Amino acid sequence: MAEGPVLRGLLGGRPSADNQLAQTFLSNANWNDTHWRSTEFDKIIMQARAELDETKRGQLYGEAQKMIWETGGMVCFAIGDYLDGYSKKVKGTAPHPHYDMCDQRIAEKGWFA
């Protein structure tokens, strides 16, 4: 377990529960910033990956998230929405499905007209 709470950096959205949980909380995950390790959690994630029944798979991912909530090392102080704002005075920009502000490249792509 982590020696104390760790404030995680922004990871951005992930396309699935498995992707988010595996990249940040599996014992061998590269982005396991809190160094929290649980063989039981790892086992549940592997079970969920192999489960074909959507309801059962959802329950397994829910159980995994509850484990993080009860004993994990993550501190989640806020959840931010992706929000874009545009003006006719700014050219070269467009909404992007990945991140806000033109895929976070507003300074590179946009200009005032």
PDB file of N, CA and C in Angstrom:
ATOM      1  N   MET A   1       0.831  -1.186   0.000  1.00  0.00           N
ATOM      2  CA  MET A   1       0.000   0.000   0.000  1.00  0.00           C
ATOM      3  C   MET A   1       0.872   1.245   0.000  1.00  0.00           C
ATOM      4  N   ALA A   2       0.295   2.344  -0.416  1.00  0.00           N
ATOM      5  CA  ALA A   2       1.014   3.609  -0.440  1.00  0.00           C
ATOM      6  C   ALA A   2       1.303   4.055   0.991  1.00  0.00           C
ATOM      7  N   GLU A   3       2.408   4.762   1.159  1.00  0.00           N
ATOM      8  CA  GLU A   3       2.760   5.262   2.479  1.00  0.00           C
ATOM      9  C   GLU A   3       1.894   6.439   2.887  1.00  0.00           C
ATOM     10  N   GLY A   4       1.269   7.054   1.955  1.00  0.00           N
ATOM     11  CA  GLY A   4       0.380   8.175   2.224  1.00  0.00           C
ATOM     12  C   GLY A   4      -0.378   8.505   0.961  1.00  0.00           C
ATOM     13  N   PRO A   5      -1.362   9.395   1.046  1.00  0.00           N
ATOM     14  CA  PRO A   5      -2.118   9.718  -0.150  1.00  0.00           C
ATOM     15  C   PRO A   5      -1.243  10.387  -1.196  1.00  0.00           C
ATOM     16  N   VAL A   6      -1.516  10.090  -2.422  1.00  0.00           N
ATOM     17  CA  VAL A   6      -0.781  10.664  -3.544  1.00  0.00           C
ATOM     18  C   VAL A   6      -1.779  11.369  -4.441  1.00  0.00           C
ATOM     19  N   LEU A   7      -1.488  12.591  -4.809  1.00  0.00           N
ATOM     20  CA  LEU A   7      -2.342  13.331  -5.715  1.00  0.00           C
ATOM     21  C   LEU A   7      -1.913  12.990  -7.134  1.00  0.00           C
ATOM     22  N   ARG A   8      -2.772  12.336  -7.855  1.00  0.00           N
ATOM     23  CA  ARG A   8      -2.449  11.884  -9.203  1.00  0.00           C
ATOM     24  C   ARG A   8      -2.514  13.037 -10.195  1.00  0.00           C
ATOM     25  N   GLY A   9      -1.738  12.894 -11.248  1.00  0.00           N
ATOM     26  CA  GLY A   9      -1.823  13.834 -12.340  1.00  0.00           C
ATOM     27  C   GLY A   9      -3.026  13.513 -13.216  1.00  0.00           C
ATOM     28  N   LEU A  10      -3.337  14.388 -14.122  1.00  0.00           N
ATOM     29  CA  LEU A  10      -4.466  14.188 -15.014  1.00  0.00           C
ATOM     30  C   LEU A  10      -4.137  13.083 -16.013  1.00  0.00           C
ATOM     31  N   LEU A  11      -4.963  12.071 -16.059  1.00  0.00           N
ATOM     32  CA  LEU A  11      -4.766  10.971 -17.000  1.00  0.00           C
ATOM     33  C   LEU A  11      -5.655  11.094 -18.210  1.00  0.00           C
ATOM     34  N   GLY A  12      -6.638  11.945 -18.170  1.00  0.00           N
ATOM     35  CA  GLY A  12      -7.575  12.049 -19.270  1.00  0.00           C
ATOM     36  C   GLY A  12      -8.562  10.895 -19.236  1.00  0.00           C
ATOM     37  N   GLY A  13      -9.534  10.951 -20.106  1.00  0.00           N
ATOM     38  CA  GLY A  13     -10.535   9.900 -20.159  1.00  0.00           C
ATOM     39  C   GLY A  13      -9.994   8.629 -20.776  1.00  0.00           C
ATOM     40  N   ARG A  14     -10.549   7.528 -20.415  1.00  0.00           N
ATOM     41  CA  ARG A  14     -10.169   6.235 -20.979  1.00  0.00           C
ATOM     42  C   ARG A  14     -11.414   5.609 -21.594  1.00  0.00           C
ATOM     43  N   PRO A  15     -11.235   4.792 -22.641  1.00  0.00           N
ATOM     44  CA  PRO A  15     -12.400   4.253 -23.346  1.00  0.00           C
ATOM     45  C   PRO A  15     -13.164   3.162 -22.607  1.00  0.00           C
ATOM     46  N   SER A  16     -12.572   2.579 -21.575  1.00  0.00           N
ATOM     47  CA  SER A  16     -13.274   1.512 -20.853  1.00  0.00           C
ATOM     48  C   SER A  16     -12.824   1.473 -19.400  1.00  0.00           C
ATOM     49  N   ALA A  17     -13.644   0.844 -18.567  1.00  0.00           N
ATOM     50  CA  ALA A  17     -13.273   0.668 -17.158  1.00  0.00           C
ATOM     51  C   ALA A  17     -11.997  -0.138 -17.053  1.00  0.00           C
ATOM     52  N   ASP A  18     -11.874  -1.177 -17.867  1.00  0.00           N
ATOM     53  CA  ASP A  18     -10.669  -2.010 -17.814  1.00  0.00           C
ATOM     54  C   ASP A  18      -9.429  -1.191 -18.118  1.00  0.00           C
ATOM     55  N   ASN A  19      -9.498  -0.388 -19.146  1.00  0.00           N
ATOM     56  CA  ASN A  19      -8.353   0.423 -19.534  1.00  0.00           C
ATOM     57  C   ASN A  19      -7.933   1.359 -18.408  1.00  0.00           C
ATOM     58  N   GLN A  20      -8.874   2.025 -17.798  1.00  0.00           N
ATOM     59  CA  GLN A  20      -8.568   2.953 -16.712  1.00  0.00           C
ATOM     60  C   GLN A  20      -8.002   2.227 -15.499  1.00  0.00           C
ATOM     61  N   LEU A  21      -8.664   1.170 -15.076  1.00  0.00           N
ATOM     62  CA  LEU A  21      -8.245   0.456 -13.870  1.00  0.00           C
ATOM     63  C   LEU A  21      -6.921  -0.260 -14.066  1.00  0.00           C
ATOM     64  N   ALA A  22      -6.738  -0.885 -15.216  1.00  0.00           N
ATOM     65  CA  ALA A  22      -5.514  -1.649 -15.468  1.00  0.00           C
ATOM     66  C   ALA A  22      -4.292  -0.746 -15.576  1.00  0.00           C
ATOM     67  N   GLN A  23      -4.432   0.397 -16.231  1.00  0.00           N
ATOM     68  CA  GLN A  23      -3.283   1.282 -16.427  1.00  0.00           C
ATOM     69  C   GLN A  23      -2.844   1.993 -15.159  1.00  0.00           C
ATOM     70  N   THR A  24      -3.739   2.105 -14.190  1.00  0.00           N
ATOM     71  CA  THR A  24      -3.394   2.893 -13.015  1.00  0.00           C
ATOM     72  C   THR A  24      -3.384   2.131 -11.699  1.00  0.00           C
ATOM     73  N   PHE A  25      -3.953   0.922 -11.655  1.00  0.00           N
ATOM     74  CA  PHE A  25      -4.056   0.248 -10.367  1.00  0.00           C
ATOM     75  C   PHE A  25      -3.579  -1.199 -10.330  1.00  0.00           C
ATOM     76  N   LEU A  26      -3.355  -1.846 -11.468  1.00  0.00           N
ATOM     77  CA  LEU A  26      -2.797  -3.197 -11.402  1.00  0.00           C
ATOM     78  C   LEU A  26      -1.425  -3.126 -10.741  1.00  0.00           C
ATOM     79  N   SER A  27      -1.060  -4.158 -10.047  1.00  0.00           N
ATOM     80  CA  SER A  27       0.213  -4.162  -9.313  1.00  0.00           C
ATOM     81  C   SER A  27       1.411  -3.866 -10.213  1.00  0.00           C
ATOM     82  N   ASN A  28       1.354  -4.315 -11.454  1.00  0.00           N
ATOM     83  CA  ASN A  28       2.484  -4.107 -12.362  1.00  0.00           C
ATOM     84  C   ASN A  28       2.263  -2.964 -13.353  1.00  0.00           C
ATOM     85  N   ALA A  29       1.263  -2.122 -13.113  1.00  0.00           N
ATOM     86  CA  ALA A  29       0.943  -1.024 -14.040  1.00  0.00           C
ATOM     87  C   ALA A  29       2.040   0.031 -14.030  1.00  0.00           C
ATOM     88  N   ASN A  30       2.370   0.529 -15.214  1.00  0.00           N
ATOM     89  CA  ASN A  30       3.381   1.581 -15.326  1.00  0.00           C
ATOM     90  C   ASN A  30       2.954   2.885 -14.672  1.00  0.00           C
ATOM     91  N   TRP A  31       1.647   3.166 -14.642  1.00  0.00           N
ATOM     92  CA  TRP A  31       1.152   4.415 -14.085  1.00  0.00           C
ATOM     93  C   TRP A  31       0.542   4.222 -12.704  1.00  0.00           C
ATOM     94  N   ASN A  32       0.981   3.233 -11.979  1.00  0.00           N
ATOM     95  CA  ASN A  32       0.498   2.998 -10.620  1.00  0.00           C
ATOM     96  C   ASN A  32       1.266   3.936  -9.685  1.00  0.00           C
ATOM     97  N   ASP A  33       0.908   5.212  -9.766  1.00  0.00           N
ATOM     98  CA  ASP A  33       1.630   6.258  -9.036  1.00  0.00           C
ATOM     99  C   ASP A  33       1.588   6.087  -7.526  1.00  0.00           C
ATOM    100  N   THR A  34       0.538   5.465  -7.014  1.00  0.00           N
ATOM    101  CA  THR A  34       0.407   5.314  -5.567  1.00  0.00           C
ATOM    102  C   THR A  34       1.144   4.077  -5.046  1.00  0.00           C
ATOM    103  N   HIS A  35       1.590   3.232  -5.966  1.00  0.00           N
ATOM    104  CA  HIS A  35       2.279   1.981  -5.611  1.00  0.00           C
ATOM    105  C   HIS A  35       1.401   1.061  -4.779  1.00  0.00           C
ATOM    106  N   TRP A  36       0.094   1.214  -4.932  1.00  0.00           N
ATOM    107  CA  TRP A  36      -0.861   0.332  -4.258  1.00  0.00           C
ATOM    108  C   TRP A  36      -0.856  -0.992  -4.986  1.00  0.00           C
ATOM    109  N   ARG A  37      -0.769  -2.079  -4.250  1.00  0.00           N
ATOM    110  CA  ARG A  37      -0.746  -3.397  -4.848  1.00  0.00           C
ATOM    111  C   ARG A  37      -1.712  -4.316  -4.119  1.00  0.00           C
ATOM    112  N   SER A  38      -2.491  -5.066  -4.900  1.00  0.00           N
ATOM    113  CA  SER A  38      -3.434  -6.010  -4.338  1.00  0.00           C
ATOM    114  C   SER A  38      -3.572  -7.186  -5.294  1.00  0.00           C
ATOM    115  N   THR A  39      -3.149  -8.349  -4.864  1.00  0.00           N
ATOM    116  CA  THR A  39      -3.280  -9.531  -5.716  1.00  0.00           C
ATOM    117  C   THR A  39      -4.756  -9.853  -5.950  1.00  0.00           C
ATOM    118  N   GLU A  40      -5.602  -9.564  -4.971  1.00  0.00           N
ATOM    119  CA  GLU A  40      -7.037  -9.790  -5.127  1.00  0.00           C
ATOM    120  C   GLU A  40      -7.609  -8.871  -6.211  1.00  0.00           C
ATOM    121  N   PHE A  41      -7.210  -7.614  -6.200  1.00  0.00           N
ATOM    122  CA  PHE A  41      -7.637  -6.659  -7.228  1.00  0.00           C
ATOM    123  C   PHE A  41      -7.180  -7.134  -8.604  1.00  0.00           C
ATOM    124  N   ASP A  42      -5.910  -7.522  -8.717  1.00  0.00           N
ATOM    125  CA  ASP A  42      -5.376  -8.005  -9.991  1.00  0.00           C
ATOM    126  C   ASP A  42      -6.201  -9.187 -10.509  1.00  0.00           C
ATOM    127  N   LYS A  43      -6.548 -10.090  -9.605  1.00  0.00           N
ATOM    128  CA  LYS A  43      -7.322 -11.278  -9.967  1.00  0.00           C
ATOM    129  C   LYS A  43      -8.720 -10.887 -10.471  1.00  0.00           C
ATOM    130  N   ILE A  44      -9.345  -9.931  -9.804  1.00  0.00           N
ATOM    131  CA  ILE A  44     -10.686  -9.485 -10.210  1.00  0.00           C
ATOM    132  C   ILE A  44     -10.645  -8.855 -11.604  1.00  0.00           C
ATOM    133  N   ILE A  45      -9.639  -8.048 -11.871  1.00  0.00           N
ATOM    134  CA  ILE A  45      -9.518  -7.418 -13.190  1.00  0.00           C
ATOM    135  C   ILE A  45      -9.342  -8.490 -14.266  1.00  0.00           C
ATOM    136  N   MET A  46      -8.524  -9.496 -14.011  1.00  0.00           N
ATOM    137  CA  MET A  46      -8.322 -10.568 -14.983  1.00  0.00           C
ATOM    138  C   MET A  46      -9.618 -11.368 -15.194  1.00  0.00           C
ATOM    139  N   GLN A  47     -10.356 -11.592 -14.124  1.00  0.00           N
ATOM    140  CA  GLN A  47     -11.651 -12.272 -14.241  1.00  0.00           C
ATOM    141  C   GLN A  47     -12.618 -11.451 -15.098  1.00  0.00           C
ATOM    142  N   ALA A  48     -12.657 -10.147 -14.842  1.00  0.00           N
ATOM    143  CA  ALA A  48     -13.568  -9.264 -15.580  1.00  0.00           C
ATOM    144  C   ALA A  48     -13.226  -9.265 -17.069  1.00  0.00           C
ATOM    145  N   ARG A  49     -11.953  -9.272 -17.394  1.00  0.00           N
ATOM    146  CA  ARG A  49     -11.538  -9.294 -18.800  1.00  0.00           C
ATOM    147  C   ARG A  49     -12.031 -10.542 -19.525  1.00  0.00           C
ATOM    148  N   ALA A  50     -12.096 -11.658 -18.805  1.00  0.00           N
ATOM    149  CA  ALA A  50     -12.481 -12.937 -19.404  1.00  0.00           C
ATOM    150  C   ALA A  50     -13.996 -13.181 -19.361  1.00  0.00           C
ATOM    151  N   GLU A  51     -14.717 -12.376 -18.591  1.00  0.00           N
ATOM    152  CA  GLU A  51     -16.160 -12.584 -18.410  1.00  0.00           C
ATOM    153  C   GLU A  51     -16.942 -12.111 -19.632  1.00  0.00           C
ATOM    154  N   LEU A  52     -17.744 -12.997 -20.209  1.00  0.00           N
ATOM    155  CA  LEU A  52     -18.538 -12.656 -21.384  1.00  0.00           C
ATOM    156  C   LEU A  52     -19.886 -12.042 -21.028  1.00  0.00           C
ATOM    157  N   ASP A  53     -20.403 -12.357 -19.858  1.00  0.00           N
ATOM    158  CA  ASP A  53     -21.685 -11.811 -19.423  1.00  0.00           C
ATOM    159  C   ASP A  53     -21.477 -10.365 -18.962  1.00  0.00           C
ATOM    160  N   GLU A  54     -22.147  -9.418 -19.648  1.00  0.00           N
ATOM    161  CA  GLU A  54     -21.935  -7.989 -19.352  1.00  0.00           C
ATOM    162  C   GLU A  54     -22.310  -7.614 -17.924  1.00  0.00           C
ATOM    163  N   THR A  55     -23.377  -8.204 -17.410  1.00  0.00           N
ATOM    164  CA  THR A  55     -23.803  -7.892 -16.043  1.00  0.00           C
ATOM    165  C   THR A  55     -22.761  -8.357 -15.039  1.00  0.00           C
ATOM    166  N   LYS A  56     -22.287  -9.572 -15.195  1.00  0.00           N
ATOM    167  CA  LYS A  56     -21.261 -10.102 -14.278  1.00  0.00           C
ATOM    168  C   LYS A  56     -19.966  -9.306 -14.406  1.00  0.00           C
ATOM    169  N   ARG A  57     -19.587  -8.952 -15.645  1.00  0.00           N
ATOM    170  CA  ARG A  57     -18.368  -8.172 -15.855  1.00  0.00           C
ATOM    171  C   ARG A  57     -18.490  -6.814 -15.162  1.00  0.00           C
ATOM    172  N   GLY A  58     -19.652  -6.182 -15.285  1.00  0.00           N
ATOM    173  CA  GLY A  58     -19.875  -4.901 -14.613  1.00  0.00           C
ATOM    174  C   GLY A  58     -19.771  -5.019 -13.104  1.00  0.00           C
ATOM    175  N   GLN A  59     -20.283  -6.117 -12.565  1.00  0.00           N
ATOM    176  CA  GLN A  59     -20.188  -6.346 -11.116  1.00  0.00           C
ATOM    177  C   GLN A  59     -18.735  -6.512 -10.679  1.00  0.00           C
ATOM    178  N   LEU A  60     -17.941  -7.201 -11.483  1.00  0.00           N
ATOM    179  CA  LEU A  60     -16.523  -7.384 -11.157  1.00  0.00           C
ATOM    180  C   LEU A  60     -15.778  -6.045 -11.180  1.00  0.00           C
ATOM    181  N   TYR A  61     -16.030  -5.235 -12.202  1.00  0.00           N
ATOM    182  CA  TYR A  61     -15.390  -3.912 -12.245  1.00  0.00           C
ATOM    183  C   TYR A  61     -15.865  -3.037 -11.088  1.00  0.00           C
ATOM    184  N   GLY A  62     -17.119  -3.166 -10.716  1.00  0.00           N
ATOM    185  CA  GLY A  62     -17.631  -2.442  -9.556  1.00  0.00           C
ATOM    186  C   GLY A  62     -16.936  -2.875  -8.277  1.00  0.00           C
ATOM    187  N   GLU A  63     -16.733  -4.173  -8.130  1.00  0.00           N
ATOM    188  CA  GLU A  63     -16.020  -4.704  -6.963  1.00  0.00           C
ATOM    189  C   GLU A  63     -14.582  -4.182  -6.927  1.00  0.00           C
ATOM    190  N   ALA A  64     -13.945  -4.134  -8.080  1.00  0.00           N
ATOM    191  CA  ALA A  64     -12.573  -3.618  -8.158  1.00  0.00           C
ATOM    192  C   ALA A  64     -12.524  -2.149  -7.746  1.00  0.00           C
ATOM    193  N   GLN A  65     -13.494  -1.355  -8.213  1.00  0.00           N
ATOM    194  CA  GLN A  65     -13.522   0.062  -7.856  1.00  0.00           C
ATOM    195  C   GLN A  65     -13.792   0.263  -6.368  1.00  0.00           C
ATOM    196  N   LYS A  66     -14.616  -0.604  -5.805  1.00  0.00           N
ATOM    197  CA  LYS A  66     -14.879  -0.518  -4.369  1.00  0.00           C
ATOM    198  C   LYS A  66     -13.608  -0.802  -3.576  1.00  0.00           C
ATOM    199  N   MET A  67     -12.793  -1.741  -4.055  1.00  0.00           N
ATOM    200  CA  MET A  67     -11.520  -2.029  -3.379  1.00  0.00           C
ATOM    201  C   MET A  67     -10.614  -0.793  -3.375  1.00  0.00           C
ATOM    202  N   ILE A  68     -10.579  -0.087  -4.489  1.00  0.00           N
ATOM    203  CA  ILE A  68      -9.765   1.138  -4.557  1.00  0.00           C
ATOM    204  C   ILE A  68     -10.305   2.162  -3.575  1.00  0.00           C
ATOM    205  N   TRP A  69     -11.609   2.311  -3.545  1.00  0.00           N
ATOM    206  CA  TRP A  69     -12.247   3.275  -2.645  1.00  0.00           C
ATOM    207  C   TRP A  69     -11.953   2.935  -1.185  1.00  0.00           C
ATOM    208  N   GLU A  70     -11.989   1.644  -0.836  1.00  0.00           N
ATOM    209  CA  GLU A  70     -11.803   1.242   0.561  1.00  0.00           C
ATOM    210  C   GLU A  70     -10.338   1.227   1.004  1.00  0.00           C
ATOM    211  N   THR A  71      -9.428   0.819   0.141  1.00  0.00           N
ATOM    212  CA  THR A  71      -8.053   0.621   0.595  1.00  0.00           C
ATOM    213  C   THR A  71      -6.988   1.208  -0.325  1.00  0.00           C
ATOM    214  N   GLY A  72      -7.385   1.746  -1.476  1.00  0.00           N
ATOM    215  CA  GLY A  72      -6.413   2.220  -2.449  1.00  0.00           C
ATOM    216  C   GLY A  72      -5.748   3.520  -2.033  1.00  0.00           C
ATOM    217  N   GLY A  73      -4.766   3.917  -2.818  1.00  0.00           N
ATOM    218  CA  GLY A  73      -3.992   5.106  -2.486  1.00  0.00           C
ATOM    219  C   GLY A  73      -4.360   6.334  -3.280  1.00  0.00           C
ATOM    220  N   MET A  74      -5.484   6.327  -3.958  1.00  0.00           N
ATOM    221  CA  MET A  74      -5.833   7.460  -4.813  1.00  0.00           C
ATOM    222  C   MET A  74      -6.618   8.520  -4.052  1.00  0.00           C
ATOM    223  N   VAL A  75      -6.268   9.770  -4.310  1.00  0.00           N
ATOM    224  CA  VAL A  75      -7.040  10.896  -3.809  1.00  0.00           C
ATOM    225  C   VAL A  75      -7.631  11.579  -5.028  1.00  0.00           C
ATOM    226  N   CYS A  76      -8.941  11.619  -5.112  1.00  0.00           N
ATOM    227  CA  CYS A  76      -9.616  12.256  -6.240  1.00  0.00           C
ATOM    228  C   CYS A  76     -10.321  13.495  -5.704  1.00  0.00           C
ATOM    229  N   PHE A  77      -9.687  14.638  -5.870  1.00  0.00           N
ATOM    230  CA  PHE A  77     -10.239  15.861  -5.288  1.00  0.00           C
ATOM    231  C   PHE A  77     -11.264  16.536  -6.182  1.00  0.00           C
ATOM    232  N   ALA A  78     -11.281  16.205  -7.454  1.00  0.00           N
ATOM    233  CA  ALA A  78     -12.226  16.850  -8.361  1.00  0.00           C
ATOM    234  C   ALA A  78     -12.328  16.060  -9.655  1.00  0.00           C
ATOM    235  N   ILE A  79     -13.461  16.159 -10.261  1.00  0.00           N
ATOM    236  CA  ILE A  79     -13.654  15.589 -11.593  1.00  0.00           C
ATOM    237  C   ILE A  79     -14.010  16.752 -12.502  1.00  0.00           C
ATOM    238  N   GLY A  80     -13.196  16.996 -13.501  1.00  0.00           N
ATOM    239  CA  GLY A  80     -13.434  18.118 -14.389  1.00  0.00           C
ATOM    240  C   GLY A  80     -14.035  17.675 -15.702  1.00  0.00           C
ATOM    241  N   ASP A  81     -14.927  18.453 -16.212  1.00  0.00           N
ATOM    242  CA  ASP A  81     -15.475  18.196 -17.542  1.00  0.00           C
ATOM    243  C   ASP A  81     -14.528  18.757 -18.588  1.00  0.00           C
ATOM    244  N   TYR A  82     -14.603  18.195 -19.756  1.00  0.00           N
ATOM    245  CA  TYR A  82     -13.921  18.795 -20.888  1.00  0.00           C
ATOM    246  C   TYR A  82     -14.873  19.827 -21.455  1.00  0.00           C
ATOM    247  N   LEU A  83     -14.406  21.034 -21.572  1.00  0.00           N
ATOM    248  CA  LEU A  83     -15.273  22.123 -21.987  1.00  0.00           C
ATOM    249  C   LEU A  83     -14.546  22.957 -23.025  1.00  0.00           C
ATOM    250  N   ASP A  84     -15.172  23.166 -24.140  1.00  0.00           N
ATOM    251  CA  ASP A  84     -14.609  23.983 -25.204  1.00  0.00           C
ATOM    252  C   ASP A  84     -15.385  25.281 -25.332  1.00  0.00           C
ATOM    253  N   GLY A  85     -14.674  26.325 -25.639  1.00  0.00           N
ATOM    254  CA  GLY A  85     -15.307  27.603 -25.924  1.00  0.00           C
ATOM    255  C   GLY A  85     -14.713  28.161 -27.203  1.00  0.00           C
ATOM    256  N   TYR A  86     -15.549  28.623 -28.092  1.00  0.00           N
ATOM    257  CA  TYR A  86     -15.064  29.128 -29.371  1.00  0.00           C
ATOM    258  C   TYR A  86     -15.660  30.499 -29.648  1.00  0.00           C
ATOM    259  N   SER A  87     -14.975  31.241 -30.476  1.00  0.00           N
ATOM    260  CA  SER A  87     -15.407  32.573 -30.863  1.00  0.00           C
ATOM    261  C   SER A  87     -15.139  32.752 -32.351  1.00  0.00           C
ATOM    262  N   LYS A  88     -15.933  33.593 -32.992  1.00  0.00           N
ATOM    263  CA  LYS A  88     -15.690  33.907 -34.403  1.00  0.00           C
ATOM    264  C   LYS A  88     -14.394  34.683 -34.576  1.00  0.00           C
ATOM    265  N   LYS A  89     -13.865  35.221 -33.484  1.00  0.00           N
ATOM    266  CA  LYS A  89     -12.611  35.973 -33.533  1.00  0.00           C
ATOM    267  C   LYS A  89     -11.387  35.052 -33.517  1.00  0.00           C
ATOM    268  N   VAL A  90     -11.600  33.750 -33.234  1.00  0.00           N
ATOM    269  CA  VAL A  90     -10.497  32.792 -33.209  1.00  0.00           C
ATOM    270  C   VAL A  90     -10.661  31.841 -34.387  1.00  0.00           C
ATOM    271  N   LYS A  91      -9.632  31.701 -35.197  1.00  0.00           N
ATOM    272  CA  LYS A  91      -9.664  30.842 -36.383  1.00  0.00           C
ATOM    273  C   LYS A  91      -8.703  29.660 -36.193  1.00  0.00           C
ATOM    274  N   GLY A  92      -8.922  28.618 -37.008  1.00  0.00           N
ATOM    275  CA  GLY A  92      -8.027  27.468 -37.019  1.00  0.00           C
ATOM    276  C   GLY A  92      -8.339  26.397 -35.988  1.00  0.00           C
ATOM    277  N   THR A  93      -9.405  26.567 -35.241  1.00  0.00           N
ATOM    278  CA  THR A  93      -9.731  25.601 -34.197  1.00  0.00           C
ATOM    279  C   THR A  93     -11.050  24.885 -34.505  1.00  0.00           C
ATOM    280  N   ALA A  94     -11.201  23.728 -33.904  1.00  0.00           N
ATOM    281  CA  ALA A  94     -12.448  22.964 -34.044  1.00  0.00           C
ATOM    282  C   ALA A  94     -12.547  22.014 -32.854  1.00  0.00           C
ATOM    283  N   PRO A  95     -13.761  21.653 -32.454  1.00  0.00           N
ATOM    284  CA  PRO A  95     -13.900  20.673 -31.375  1.00  0.00           C
ATOM    285  C   PRO A  95     -13.174  19.383 -31.736  1.00  0.00           C
ATOM    286  N   HIS A  96     -12.598  18.752 -30.762  1.00  0.00           N
ATOM    287  CA  HIS A  96     -11.850  17.517 -30.965  1.00  0.00           C
ATOM    288  C   HIS A  96     -12.370  16.460 -29.999  1.00  0.00           C
ATOM    289  N   PRO A  97     -12.553  15.217 -30.444  1.00  0.00           N
ATOM    290  CA  PRO A  97     -13.123  14.195 -29.559  1.00  0.00           C
ATOM    291  C   PRO A  97     -12.190  13.723 -28.457  1.00  0.00           C
ATOM    292  N   HIS A  98     -10.905  14.015 -28.559  1.00  0.00           N
ATOM    293  CA  HIS A  98      -9.953  13.500 -27.583  1.00  0.00           C
ATOM    294  C   HIS A  98      -9.826  14.400 -26.357  1.00  0.00           C
ATOM    295  N   TYR A  99      -9.481  15.631 -26.563  1.00  0.00           N
ATOM    296  CA  TYR A  99      -9.330  16.575 -25.459  1.00  0.00           C
ATOM    297  C   TYR A  99      -9.959  17.912 -25.842  1.00  0.00           C
ATOM    298  N   ASP A 100     -10.109  18.757 -24.840  1.00  0.00           N
ATOM    299  CA  ASP A 100     -10.660  20.079 -25.107  1.00  0.00           C
ATOM    300  C   ASP A 100      -9.602  20.992 -25.726  1.00  0.00           C
ATOM    301  N   MET A 101     -10.057  22.145 -26.097  1.00  0.00           N
ATOM    302  CA  MET A 101      -9.206  23.190 -26.686  1.00  0.00           C
ATOM    303  C   MET A 101      -8.363  22.655 -27.850  1.00  0.00           C
ATOM    304  N   CYS A 102      -9.080  22.058 -28.814  1.00  0.00           N
ATOM    305  CA  CYS A 102      -8.448  21.620 -30.062  1.00  0.00           C
ATOM    306  C   CYS A 102      -7.373  20.562 -29.785  1.00  0.00           C
ATOM    307  N   ASP A 103      -7.727  19.553 -28.995  1.00  0.00           N
ATOM    308  CA  ASP A 103      -6.804  18.481 -28.586  1.00  0.00           C
ATOM    309  C   ASP A 103      -5.608  19.060 -27.822  1.00  0.00           C
ATOM    310  N   GLN A 104      -5.866  20.065 -27.025  1.00  0.00           N
ATOM    311  CA  GLN A 104      -4.864  20.771 -26.217  1.00  0.00           C
ATOM    312  C   GLN A 104      -3.745  21.351 -27.079  1.00  0.00           C
ATOM    313  N   ARG A 105      -4.104  21.743 -28.283  1.00  0.00           N
ATOM    314  CA  ARG A 105      -3.124  22.333 -29.196  1.00  0.00           C
ATOM    315  C   ARG A 105      -3.602  23.709 -29.669  1.00  0.00           C
ATOM    316  N   ILE A 106      -4.384  24.380 -28.830  1.00  0.00           N
ATOM    317  CA  ILE A 106      -4.961  25.668 -29.203  1.00  0.00           C
ATOM    318  C   ILE A 106      -3.881  26.701 -29.542  1.00  0.00           C
ATOM    319  N   ALA A 107      -2.796  26.727 -28.795  1.00  0.00           N
ATOM    320  CA  ALA A 107      -1.752  27.723 -29.030  1.00  0.00           C
ATOM    321  C   ALA A 107      -1.015  27.459 -30.344  1.00  0.00           C
ATOM    322  N   GLU A 108      -0.985  26.207 -30.743  1.00  0.00           N
ATOM    323  CA  GLU A 108      -0.316  25.829 -31.985  1.00  0.00           C
ATOM    324  C   GLU A 108      -1.214  26.045 -33.212  1.00  0.00           C
ATOM    325  N   LYS A 109      -2.508  25.757 -33.057  1.00  0.00           N
ATOM    326  CA  LYS A 109      -3.402  25.762 -34.206  1.00  0.00           C
ATOM    327  C   LYS A 109      -4.247  27.027 -34.357  1.00  0.00           C
ATOM    328  N   GLY A 110      -4.513  27.729 -33.279  1.00  0.00           N
ATOM    329  CA  GLY A 110      -5.427  28.852 -33.348  1.00  0.00           C
ATOM    330  C   GLY A 110      -4.741  30.189 -33.523  1.00  0.00           C
ATOM    331  N   TRP A 111      -5.504  31.138 -34.055  1.00  0.00           N
ATOM    332  CA  TRP A 111      -5.033  32.517 -34.178  1.00  0.00           C
ATOM    333  C   TRP A 111      -6.213  33.466 -34.127  1.00  0.00           C
ATOM    334  N   PHE A 112      -5.926  34.691 -33.714  1.00  0.00           N
ATOM    335  CA  PHE A 112      -6.976  35.696 -33.673  1.00  0.00           C
ATOM    336  C   PHE A 112      -7.158  36.314 -35.056  1.00  0.00           C
ATOM    337  N   ALA A 113      -8.419  36.463 -35.457  1.00  0.00           N
ATOM    338  CA  ALA A 113      -8.693  37.048 -36.775  1.00  0.00           C
ATOM    339  C   ALA A 113      -9.303  38.423 -36.620  1.00  0.00           C
TER     340      ALA A 113
END
